[in-house]
Structures are given as C-alpha cells and as structure tokens.
Amino acid sequence: MFKGCLCKISAYLLLTILVVPTISAQDKAAAPDHLFLPDGTPIPVQLAENVSSSKAHVGDQVNFVVVRDVALDGFTIIPAGTVAHGTVTGIKGKRLLGIGAKVSLKLDSVHLVNGEEVAIRGSKEVKGGSRTKLMLAAMIATGVIFLPAAPVFLLTRGRESTAIKSTEITAQVDGTTSVQLAGLRRSPDGTAELDEMMDYLPARVFNAEGREGDMLNLVFVAQPEELQAAFARAGWVKTDKWKPIFVWHLLRKRTNDAQLPMARFYLFGRVQDYSYALPDPEAVMSRRHHLRIWKTHSTVGGTPVWAGAATHDVAIEIAKNGRLINHRIDPAVDVERDFVGADLTDTASVTRQRYIYGPDPVFQAKTASGESYHSDSRILLLDLQKVLPATTTVQSEASAATRSSTLNIPIPVSFSPDEMAQPR
C-alpha cells in the first residue's frame, strides 16, 4: 500500500516537472511584446510659445506641450509634459482693405515614453483682427464731408496675427503605430484631474499680441448654470461684448453703464467665456470689481473647472503701452481674489474652498498695459456645486477668513494642514 502511494506521488511530481515549464513557455510565447497605438488617438497639447505674423517665417519650428497623459491598455504611452514638435506652414501679413494677417501651424511628431518617435497630425490657423468695418464706417463718414477723400481709407491695413502661448490643439496619432512594451510604465491609478490641470495652467493671461497680463487667481468648479447663478445672486452683472449693442447701452446710460465691455484677454488661445463686474454705485464706470472667466479642458467628477482673473478697477487713467485710456487697478490683487470668494460665500453659493498653487508663482508682475501688481501667488478654489443645507454654517465661517487682509490671511476652515504644502 505504502509503496503504491509513493509510486503515485512520484508520477505526479514527474508530470508537474514536465508540464509546468511547458505551460509557462506557452504563456510567455502568447504574451504580447508590443501594443498597437491606433490611428487618430487624441493627444491634447498647448502651444508653448507665441508665434507672431510679424516675426515668424514659414518653416520655423515651434514647440507644443502635452497637457494630459495618453494611455493605452493601462500603460502610459505619452506622459504629460512631453514636448511635441510642429512647424509654421503659412504666414500672411496684414493687407489692404482692412484684412488682418494670418498664421498657420501644424503638428509633426512627438516622442513616446520609451523614446520612440511617432508622427502626429493637427493644425491651427489664427487670423488677425479685421479693420474692414472700421474702414467702411470711416469712408461713409468722410464721404458725407468730403467725398474725394473717402477712397484713401481703402489703404487701411488689418491687424497682425499672433498664435498665443497656451493655445489648445487636439493632435492625433498619424497612422496605427506599433509600440514596444519594453520601457513603458503602468499608468498611475486615480490621477487627480484638478492636479493635472494645475500643472499646465498658465500663471497669467495674455492680450491679443501675446503680452502677459493679469494673473489667474481663482478656480471654480461648477456647471455653467451654477456659475452664472452664483454671480447673479451676489449682484454681479455680465458685461457687454464688443458688439454694436454696447454703443446703445453707453448712449442710453452714459456714466451709469454698468455693462461697459472689458478688454479681451486670452487663455488657451481664446477670449474669456464670461466677464463679470460689480460696479461702485458712486462711480460706475471708473471703479468696479471685475473678473474674466475661462472654461478649462478639465473636470472634477464630471463637473467643469473654470479659471478666473480678478482685479479691482479704482480709476480711469491715460494708459501705457500705446493705449489711449485704461482702468487703473488696485495693485494688491489678492484683496480682490478674497473679495470674490467672500462675496459668493455670503450668498450661500460656495460649498468648499481652499487655496491651491500653480506651477509658476507670481509675486510681482505687470498688467498688459504696464501697471505693477503684487500677490502671495495663491489661487482660491471655489466649489460652486449645489449647496447642501448642512454646510451653510461652515461656509459662513470661511467667509470671514477670505475677507481678511492678503498680508496675513488665515487658513480657511475647510483647509487641512496637508493642503497648505509649499508651492511646487
């Protein structure tokens, strides 16, 4: 009996020794050593530099930066921060008849995390502002007074064109590409969307020529209707866009026009999505709290994230950098940042708030019109998603914190010590 059992055990051991290596070899042979990156895989990038029609030339190389990881089957193929390469494919200068200049760019290639280079496609065309309507208006006005002089305005040229740093483009992989698994890394689990956005959020906004101006000092988490409702409850007004209707408002209300348009600034290559103002009743046109807001590419749990630049206009003055007149701002921009937070909190619009940091601190800077301002470089995050009644008391306490002086701002009650880590 015992000898029989030994024989059976020996047979099993022998079978295991012979079969297991065979199975392992089959598994190893079946395991793929490469992945296929499909044609058309999207790659979100931002322009890393200004490209002006007055300075660039066809064939110039331009750089873009990948702003979100590109992953495939659990592997990071192109990590955020990778430089993508492109080319200037066309330049047209500003022309007669008020026609603006034009800049054309295209994406060429990007390196994968393992060093392989792949071809990508994507393009962007940026046109300078047209002066055609202004030219026609000048011709009509001049024709009424002295008709022979009217044709002179046909010589009017349009504006220069600038593809502004941070302009967003979604490139695509050009053709299905085989990627070796060797050198790839597993994608991190639970990457925070907000953190990823902040890593590549520009510190300041730009004017049409690509000159840096106001700092981004607010971030909102809200659906569009929640964002608009929050400012409406606090008494803020949407300002007019630069369309003919604003002239009618100005003529009708004169110095009481609270909807006076704001200058157009750019982020991600486009003008602000919303412009809000809270004017001083005693000096509506010269003194007003105001901010510009842009929708970002990011979400938090499916809710859009918005970036804002808030400043406080305190007077009208002769401006620098070639502009005729301009609003002078309070250089302590942190006061305005905290005022916006406190004002929205007081109307029960804020469910959560905390300070966060961008990758490029702003302590001393100048507006696009040449005014100096200073900051502690913190950005105030305001969550405007629908308020739960149980949180109202907590946010009331936070309101007092955000109203404090920017020279000695206490931590809002919703902060934890870990959230006050040093800037990255």
Protein backbone atom coordinates (compact mmCIF):
# COMPACT_ATOMS: atom_id res chain seq x y z
CA MET A 1 0.00 0.00 0.00
CA PHE A 2 2.70 2.49 1.06
CA LYS A 3 4.83 1.64 -1.97
CA GLY A 4 1.79 2.22 -4.21
CA CYS A 5 1.26 5.67 -2.77
CA LEU A 6 4.91 6.55 -3.29
CA CYS A 7 4.63 5.48 -6.90
CA LYS A 8 1.60 7.73 -7.44
CA ILE A 9 3.30 10.72 -5.76
CA SER A 10 6.39 10.22 -7.88
CA ALA A 11 4.23 10.09 -11.00
CA TYR A 12 2.52 13.37 -10.07
CA LEU A 13 5.86 15.06 -9.38
CA LEU A 14 7.22 13.90 -12.70
CA LEU A 15 4.12 15.14 -14.50
CA THR A 16 4.42 18.53 -12.77
CA ILE A 17 8.08 18.86 -13.66
CA LEU A 18 7.36 18.09 -17.31
CA VAL A 19 4.09 20.05 -17.80
CA VAL A 20 4.59 23.30 -15.82
CA PRO A 21 7.61 24.57 -17.80
CA THR A 22 5.70 23.79 -20.99
CA ILE A 23 2.69 25.85 -19.84
CA SER A 24 4.95 28.71 -18.73
CA ALA A 25 6.70 28.68 -22.07
CA GLN A 26 3.34 28.76 -23.87
CA ASP A 27 2.17 31.70 -21.70
CA LYS A 28 5.41 33.56 -22.33
CA ALA A 29 5.10 32.93 -26.05
CA ALA A 30 1.47 34.11 -26.05
CA ALA A 31 2.21 37.30 -24.06
CA PRO A 32 2.46 40.29 -26.46
CA ASP A 33 5.69 42.24 -26.53
CA HIS A 34 4.12 45.30 -28.16
CA LEU A 35 0.91 47.34 -28.35
CA PHE A 36 -0.79 49.00 -31.29
CA LEU A 37 -1.42 52.72 -30.89
CA PRO A 38 -4.48 53.32 -33.12
CA ASP A 39 -4.59 55.91 -35.85
CA GLY A 40 -6.39 59.02 -34.63
CA THR A 41 -5.55 58.59 -30.92
CA PRO A 42 -6.12 62.10 -29.47
CA ILE A 43 -3.21 63.99 -27.90
CA PRO A 44 -4.15 67.24 -26.07
CA VAL A 45 -1.41 69.86 -26.46
CA GLN A 46 -0.84 73.55 -25.79
CA LEU A 47 1.35 75.93 -27.76
CA ALA A 48 4.49 76.57 -25.71
CA GLU A 49 5.39 79.96 -27.23
CA ASN A 50 3.91 82.96 -29.02
CA VAL A 51 4.07 82.85 -32.82
CA SER A 52 3.58 86.27 -34.46
CA SER A 53 2.92 87.02 -38.12
CA SER A 54 5.36 89.92 -37.86
CA LYS A 55 8.31 87.78 -36.67
CA ALA A 56 7.78 84.15 -37.70
CA HIS A 57 8.69 82.61 -41.05
CA VAL A 58 7.40 79.62 -42.98
CA GLY A 59 9.37 76.55 -41.93
CA ASP A 60 10.13 77.77 -38.40
CA GLN A 61 9.97 75.02 -35.78
CA VAL A 62 7.53 75.53 -32.91
CA ASN A 63 7.03 73.55 -29.71
CA PHE A 64 3.87 72.32 -28.04
CA VAL A 65 3.50 70.59 -24.68
CA VAL A 66 1.28 67.56 -23.99
CA VAL A 67 -1.05 68.52 -21.11
CA ARG A 68 -2.61 65.13 -20.25
CA ASP A 69 -1.23 61.60 -20.17
CA VAL A 70 -2.05 59.49 -23.22
CA ALA A 71 -2.63 55.90 -22.05
CA LEU A 72 -3.31 52.59 -23.78
CA ASP A 73 -4.26 49.29 -22.12
CA GLY A 74 -3.12 50.53 -18.72
CA PHE A 75 0.23 51.85 -19.94
CA THR A 76 1.28 55.48 -20.23
CA ILE A 77 2.32 55.94 -23.84
CA ILE A 78 2.86 59.72 -23.89
CA PRO A 79 3.24 61.38 -20.46
CA ALA A 80 2.00 64.90 -19.76
CA GLY A 81 4.83 67.39 -20.15
CA THR A 82 6.26 65.75 -23.27
CA VAL A 83 7.29 68.25 -25.95
CA ALA A 84 5.57 67.83 -29.32
CA HIS A 85 7.12 69.38 -32.42
CA GLY A 86 5.42 71.45 -35.09
CA THR A 87 6.09 73.79 -37.98
CA VAL A 88 4.93 77.18 -39.21
CA THR A 89 3.29 76.35 -42.55
CA GLY A 90 1.97 79.73 -43.58
CA ILE A 91 2.33 83.46 -42.90
CA LYS A 92 0.26 86.19 -44.48
CA GLY A 93 0.93 89.76 -43.46
CA LYS A 94 -1.76 92.34 -42.76
CA ARG A 95 -3.25 93.57 -46.02
CA LEU A 96 -5.12 96.48 -47.56
CA LEU A 97 -8.91 96.79 -47.26
CA GLY A 98 -8.55 96.18 -43.53
CA ILE A 99 -7.74 92.48 -43.90
CA GLY A 100 -5.79 91.02 -40.95
CA ALA A 101 -2.69 88.85 -41.04
CA LYS A 102 -2.75 85.05 -40.69
CA VAL A 103 -0.53 82.40 -39.08
CA SER A 104 -0.83 78.67 -39.89
CA LEU A 105 0.73 75.93 -37.74
CA LYS A 106 0.80 72.14 -37.94
CA LEU A 107 1.90 69.32 -35.61
CA ASP A 108 4.61 66.94 -36.83
CA SER A 109 5.84 64.48 -34.21
CA VAL A 110 6.11 63.50 -30.56
CA HIS A 111 8.28 61.06 -28.62
CA LEU A 112 6.73 58.19 -26.67
CA VAL A 113 7.77 57.44 -23.12
CA ASN A 114 10.19 54.74 -24.37
CA GLY A 115 11.95 57.17 -26.73
CA GLU A 116 10.25 56.12 -29.96
CA GLU A 117 9.15 58.99 -32.23
CA VAL A 118 5.74 58.88 -33.89
CA ALA A 119 4.12 61.11 -36.49
CA ILE A 120 1.11 63.15 -35.40
CA ARG A 121 -1.29 65.44 -37.22
CA GLY A 122 -3.15 68.56 -36.24
CA SER A 123 -3.25 72.18 -37.33
CA LYS A 124 -4.22 75.65 -36.20
CA GLU A 125 -4.90 78.82 -38.17
CA VAL A 126 -5.02 82.16 -36.35
CA LYS A 127 -6.29 85.28 -38.08
CA GLY A 128 -5.54 88.83 -37.04
CA GLY A 129 -8.34 91.29 -36.38
CA SER A 130 -10.04 92.86 -39.36
CA ARG A 131 -10.48 96.60 -39.73
CA THR A 132 -12.82 96.33 -42.72
CA LYS A 133 -15.91 97.54 -40.85
CA LEU A 134 -13.98 100.42 -39.34
CA MET A 135 -12.67 101.28 -42.80
CA LEU A 136 -16.17 101.33 -44.29
CA ALA A 137 -17.51 103.47 -41.45
CA ALA A 138 -14.66 105.95 -41.94
CA MET A 139 -15.34 106.07 -45.70
CA ILE A 140 -19.02 106.78 -45.15
CA ALA A 141 -18.33 109.50 -42.57
CA THR A 142 -15.66 111.09 -44.74
CA GLY A 143 -17.88 110.85 -47.83
CA VAL A 144 -20.53 112.96 -46.12
CA ILE A 145 -17.99 115.73 -45.50
CA PHE A 146 -15.62 115.44 -48.47
CA LEU A 147 -16.30 112.57 -50.89
CA PRO A 148 -12.99 112.67 -52.86
CA ALA A 149 -11.06 111.80 -49.67
CA ALA A 150 -13.07 108.63 -48.93
CA PRO A 151 -11.06 106.20 -51.15
CA VAL A 152 -7.94 106.90 -49.06
CA PHE A 153 -9.33 104.61 -46.37
CA LEU A 154 -9.09 101.66 -48.78
CA LEU A 155 -5.39 101.68 -47.86
CA THR A 156 -6.25 100.70 -44.26
CA ARG A 157 -4.48 97.52 -43.17
CA GLY A 158 -5.75 94.89 -40.78
CA ARG A 159 -4.08 93.80 -37.54
CA GLU A 160 -1.14 91.49 -37.01
CA SER A 161 -1.90 87.89 -36.04
CA THR A 162 -0.42 86.09 -33.03
CA ALA A 163 -0.90 82.44 -32.12
CA ILE A 164 -0.80 82.91 -28.36
CA LYS A 165 1.07 80.73 -25.89
CA SER A 166 -1.29 78.20 -24.22
CA THR A 167 -3.45 77.89 -27.38
CA GLU A 168 -5.06 74.44 -27.23
CA ILE A 169 -4.97 71.94 -30.09
CA THR A 170 -6.00 68.28 -30.09
CA ALA A 171 -3.42 66.45 -32.19
CA GLN A 172 -3.90 62.87 -33.40
CA VAL A 173 -1.58 59.94 -33.99
CA ASP A 174 -0.96 59.77 -37.74
CA GLY A 175 -1.35 56.10 -38.65
CA THR A 176 -1.51 52.98 -36.49
CA THR A 177 1.79 52.58 -34.69
CA SER A 178 3.36 49.51 -33.08
CA VAL A 179 4.79 50.33 -29.64
CA GLN A 180 7.26 48.07 -27.86
CA LEU A 181 6.19 47.22 -24.31
CA ALA A 182 9.78 47.42 -23.10
CA GLY A 183 10.28 50.82 -21.49
CA LEU A 184 6.57 51.53 -20.93
CA ARG A 185 5.25 52.22 -17.45
CA ARG A 186 1.92 51.44 -15.90
CA SER A 187 -0.49 54.36 -15.76
CA PRO A 188 -0.95 55.71 -12.21
CA ASP A 189 -4.27 54.90 -10.61
CA GLY A 190 -6.61 57.72 -9.59
CA THR A 191 -4.74 60.64 -11.17
CA ALA A 192 -6.40 63.81 -9.84
CA GLU A 193 -7.87 65.77 -12.75
CA LEU A 194 -7.54 69.07 -10.92
CA ASP A 195 -3.87 68.48 -10.08
CA GLU A 196 -3.17 67.54 -13.69
CA MET A 197 -4.82 70.75 -14.92
CA MET A 198 -2.95 72.93 -12.43
CA ASP A 199 0.40 71.54 -13.62
CA TYR A 200 -0.17 73.17 -17.02
CA LEU A 201 -2.37 76.14 -16.18
CA PRO A 202 -0.64 79.37 -17.32
CA ALA A 203 0.14 81.72 -14.45
CA ARG A 204 -1.18 84.77 -16.33
CA VAL A 205 -3.50 85.67 -19.20
CA PHE A 206 -2.43 87.30 -22.47
CA ASN A 207 -3.53 90.21 -24.63
CA ALA A 208 -4.02 89.87 -28.40
CA GLU A 209 -0.29 90.47 -29.03
CA GLY A 210 0.71 87.69 -26.63
CA ARG A 211 1.86 90.01 -23.84
CA GLU A 212 1.27 88.58 -20.35
CA GLY A 213 -1.12 90.49 -18.10
CA ASP A 214 -3.39 89.74 -15.13
CA MET A 215 -2.63 86.66 -13.03
CA LEU A 216 -5.05 83.76 -12.74
CA ASN A 217 -6.09 83.86 -9.08
CA LEU A 218 -9.40 81.98 -8.98
CA VAL A 219 -10.54 78.48 -9.93
CA PHE A 220 -14.23 77.47 -9.94
CA VAL A 221 -15.79 74.01 -10.00
CA ALA A 222 -19.33 74.39 -11.32
CA GLN A 223 -21.76 73.65 -14.09
CA PRO A 224 -22.29 76.70 -16.36
CA GLU A 225 -25.71 77.43 -14.88
CA GLU A 226 -24.34 77.16 -11.32
CA LEU A 227 -21.52 79.57 -12.12
CA GLN A 228 -23.87 82.15 -13.65
CA ALA A 229 -26.44 81.79 -10.87
CA ALA A 230 -23.80 82.32 -8.17
CA PHE A 231 -22.73 85.68 -9.60
CA ALA A 232 -26.34 86.72 -10.26
CA ARG A 233 -27.25 86.05 -6.60
CA ALA A 234 -24.31 88.19 -5.48
CA GLY A 235 -25.45 91.10 -7.66
CA TRP A 236 -22.71 90.91 -10.29
CA VAL A 237 -23.59 91.82 -13.88
CA LYS A 238 -22.40 90.33 -17.15
CA THR A 239 -20.63 93.00 -19.14
CA ASP A 240 -21.34 93.64 -22.82
CA LYS A 241 -19.33 92.04 -25.56
CA TRP A 242 -17.64 94.26 -28.14
CA LYS A 243 -20.69 94.36 -30.40
CA PRO A 244 -22.82 97.28 -31.64
CA ILE A 245 -25.32 96.82 -28.79
CA PHE A 246 -22.78 98.15 -26.28
CA VAL A 247 -22.85 101.55 -28.06
CA TRP A 248 -26.61 101.75 -27.49
CA HIS A 249 -26.21 100.89 -23.79
CA LEU A 250 -23.48 103.53 -23.43
CA LEU A 251 -25.55 106.23 -25.14
CA ARG A 252 -28.61 105.39 -23.06
CA LYS A 253 -26.94 105.02 -19.64
CA ARG A 254 -23.84 107.18 -20.16
CA THR A 255 -21.72 107.19 -16.97
CA ASN A 256 -24.13 104.75 -15.29
CA ASP A 257 -23.42 101.96 -17.77
CA ALA A 258 -22.59 99.01 -15.50
CA GLN A 259 -22.24 96.72 -18.54
CA LEU A 260 -19.31 98.60 -20.07
CA PRO A 261 -17.26 95.99 -22.01
CA MET A 262 -13.95 94.70 -20.70
CA ALA A 263 -10.77 94.36 -22.71
CA ARG A 264 -10.45 90.98 -24.39
CA PHE A 265 -7.78 88.78 -22.86
CA TYR A 266 -6.76 85.30 -23.98
CA LEU A 267 -6.24 81.93 -22.33
CA PHE A 268 -5.93 78.61 -24.19
CA GLY A 269 -5.96 80.72 -27.37
CA ARG A 270 -9.43 82.20 -26.86
CA VAL A 271 -11.08 85.18 -25.20
CA GLN A 272 -12.87 84.92 -21.87
CA ASP A 273 -16.12 82.94 -21.74
CA TYR A 274 -17.64 85.24 -19.11
CA SER A 275 -16.92 88.78 -17.91
CA TYR A 276 -18.49 89.92 -14.63
CA ALA A 277 -18.47 93.31 -12.92
CA LEU A 278 -19.68 94.70 -9.59
CA PRO A 279 -19.55 98.49 -10.03
CA ASP A 280 -19.27 101.12 -7.32
CA PRO A 281 -22.70 102.88 -7.30
CA GLU A 282 -20.99 106.25 -6.86
CA ALA A 283 -18.57 105.79 -9.77
CA VAL A 284 -19.98 103.10 -12.04
CA MET A 285 -17.55 103.48 -14.93
CA SER A 286 -14.33 104.22 -13.08
CA ARG A 287 -14.48 101.89 -10.06
CA ARG A 288 -15.62 98.30 -10.27
CA HIS A 289 -14.75 94.81 -9.05
CA HIS A 290 -14.37 92.64 -12.11
CA LEU A 291 -13.12 89.31 -13.37
CA ARG A 292 -12.80 87.28 -16.53
CA ILE A 293 -13.51 83.53 -16.58
CA TRP A 294 -12.39 80.78 -18.98
CA LYS A 295 -13.60 77.21 -19.16
CA THR A 296 -10.70 74.75 -18.92
CA HIS A 297 -10.36 71.32 -20.54
CA SER A 298 -10.65 69.64 -17.11
CA THR A 299 -13.45 68.35 -14.92
CA VAL A 300 -13.76 67.19 -11.33
CA GLY A 301 -16.09 64.22 -11.12
CA GLY A 302 -17.65 65.31 -14.41
CA THR A 303 -18.14 68.94 -13.29
CA PRO A 304 -16.35 71.58 -15.41
CA VAL A 305 -13.40 73.54 -13.99
CA TRP A 306 -13.07 77.27 -14.75
CA ALA A 307 -10.11 79.64 -14.33
CA GLY A 308 -10.59 83.31 -13.45
CA ALA A 309 -8.54 86.51 -13.27
CA ALA A 310 -9.94 89.10 -10.84
CA THR A 311 -8.79 92.69 -10.34
CA HIS A 312 -10.32 95.85 -8.86
CA ASP A 313 -10.58 98.90 -11.13
CA VAL A 314 -10.07 102.01 -8.99
CA ALA A 315 -9.74 104.83 -11.56
CA ILE A 316 -9.52 105.74 -15.24
CA GLU A 317 -6.15 106.97 -16.47
CA ILE A 318 -4.03 107.51 -19.54
CA ALA A 319 -2.63 104.07 -20.23
CA LYS A 320 0.82 102.81 -21.12
CA ASN A 321 1.90 100.59 -23.98
CA GLY A 322 0.14 102.61 -26.66
CA ARG A 323 -3.44 102.52 -25.36
CA LEU A 324 -5.34 105.80 -25.07
CA ILE A 325 -7.18 105.24 -21.79
CA ASN A 326 -7.31 102.40 -19.33
CA HIS A 327 -8.63 101.43 -15.92
CA ARG A 328 -6.02 101.61 -13.16
CA ILE A 329 -6.22 98.62 -10.81
CA ASP A 330 -5.52 98.14 -7.12
CA PRO A 331 -2.05 96.51 -7.16
CA ALA A 332 -2.97 94.27 -4.19
CA VAL A 333 -4.78 91.73 -6.37
CA ASP A 334 -5.09 89.21 -3.53
CA VAL A 335 -7.62 91.52 -1.87
CA GLU A 336 -9.83 91.21 -4.94
CA ARG A 337 -9.37 87.44 -5.08
CA ASP A 338 -10.56 87.11 -1.50
CA PHE A 339 -13.35 89.64 -2.01
CA VAL A 340 -14.83 87.48 -4.79
CA GLY A 341 -14.63 84.39 -2.56
CA ALA A 342 -16.26 86.16 0.37
CA ASP A 343 -18.97 87.75 -1.78
CA LEU A 344 -20.05 84.43 -3.29
CA THR A 345 -19.82 82.68 0.10
CA ASP A 346 -22.12 85.25 1.69
CA THR A 347 -24.85 84.33 -0.79
CA ALA A 348 -24.56 80.60 0.07
CA SER A 349 -23.07 79.78 -3.33
CA VAL A 350 -19.83 78.15 -2.12
CA THR A 351 -19.77 74.57 -0.83
CA ARG A 352 -15.99 74.24 -0.44
CA GLN A 353 -12.97 76.49 -0.71
CA ARG A 354 -9.21 76.22 -0.33
CA TYR A 355 -6.03 77.79 -1.65
CA ILE A 356 -4.03 75.97 -4.30
CA TYR A 357 -0.83 76.75 -6.18
CA GLY A 358 0.10 76.83 -9.84
CA PRO A 359 3.48 75.67 -11.18
CA ASP A 360 4.78 79.22 -11.76
CA PRO A 361 4.37 81.51 -8.71
CA VAL A 362 3.51 85.18 -9.37
CA PHE A 363 4.76 87.59 -6.71
CA GLN A 364 5.49 90.75 -8.71
CA ALA A 365 4.23 91.36 -12.24
CA LYS A 366 2.73 93.90 -14.63
CA THR A 367 -0.59 94.06 -16.43
CA ALA A 368 -0.69 94.07 -20.23
CA SER A 369 -0.98 97.88 -20.06
CA GLY A 370 2.14 98.20 -17.88
CA GLU A 371 0.77 98.56 -14.33
CA SER A 372 2.60 96.80 -11.49
CA TYR A 373 0.79 94.47 -9.07
CA HIS A 374 1.80 92.00 -6.36
CA SER A 375 0.47 88.74 -4.91
CA ASP A 376 1.20 85.95 -2.46
CA SER A 377 0.80 83.65 -5.51
CA ARG A 378 -2.07 81.62 -4.08
CA ILE A 379 -5.12 80.71 -6.17
CA LEU A 380 -8.50 80.44 -4.46
CA LEU A 381 -10.52 77.35 -5.40
CA LEU A 382 -14.28 77.78 -5.04
CA ASP A 383 -16.61 74.82 -5.44
CA LEU A 384 -19.99 76.21 -6.56
CA GLN A 385 -21.84 72.95 -6.93
CA LYS A 386 -25.27 72.96 -5.32
CA VAL A 387 -25.08 73.81 -1.65
CA LEU A 388 -26.24 71.31 0.96
CA PRO A 389 -28.06 72.97 3.90
CA ALA A 390 -25.76 71.27 6.41
CA THR A 391 -22.69 73.06 5.04
CA THR A 392 -24.06 76.61 5.21
CA THR A 393 -22.74 77.33 8.73
CA VAL A 394 -19.23 76.15 7.89
CA GLN A 395 -19.07 78.31 4.80
CA SER A 396 -20.21 81.35 6.78
CA GLU A 397 -17.13 80.96 8.96
CA ALA A 398 -14.96 80.56 5.86
CA SER A 399 -16.35 83.84 4.56
CA ALA A 400 -14.76 85.72 7.44
CA ALA A 401 -11.43 84.11 6.67
CA THR A 402 -11.48 85.04 2.99
CA ARG A 403 -12.27 88.69 3.82
CA SER A 404 -9.04 89.03 5.81
CA SER A 405 -6.10 91.11 4.63
CA THR A 406 -3.94 89.46 1.99
CA LEU A 407 -0.86 90.32 4.04
CA ASN A 408 -1.95 87.95 6.81
CA ILE A 409 -4.61 85.59 5.50
CA PRO A 410 -5.60 82.83 7.93
CA ILE A 411 -6.28 79.38 6.58
CA PRO A 412 -9.99 78.91 5.71
CA VAL A 413 -11.73 76.42 7.96
CA SER A 414 -12.06 73.90 5.13
CA PHE A 415 -8.26 73.54 4.88
CA SER A 416 -6.23 70.68 6.25
CA PRO A 417 -2.51 71.10 7.07
CA ASP A 418 -1.59 68.87 4.11
CA GLU A 419 -3.36 71.23 1.71
CA MET A 420 -1.08 74.06 2.73
CA ALA A 421 2.04 72.41 1.37
CA GLN A 422 4.68 74.66 -0.15
CA PRO A 423 4.29 75.67 -3.82
CA ARG A 424 5.54 73.13 -6.31
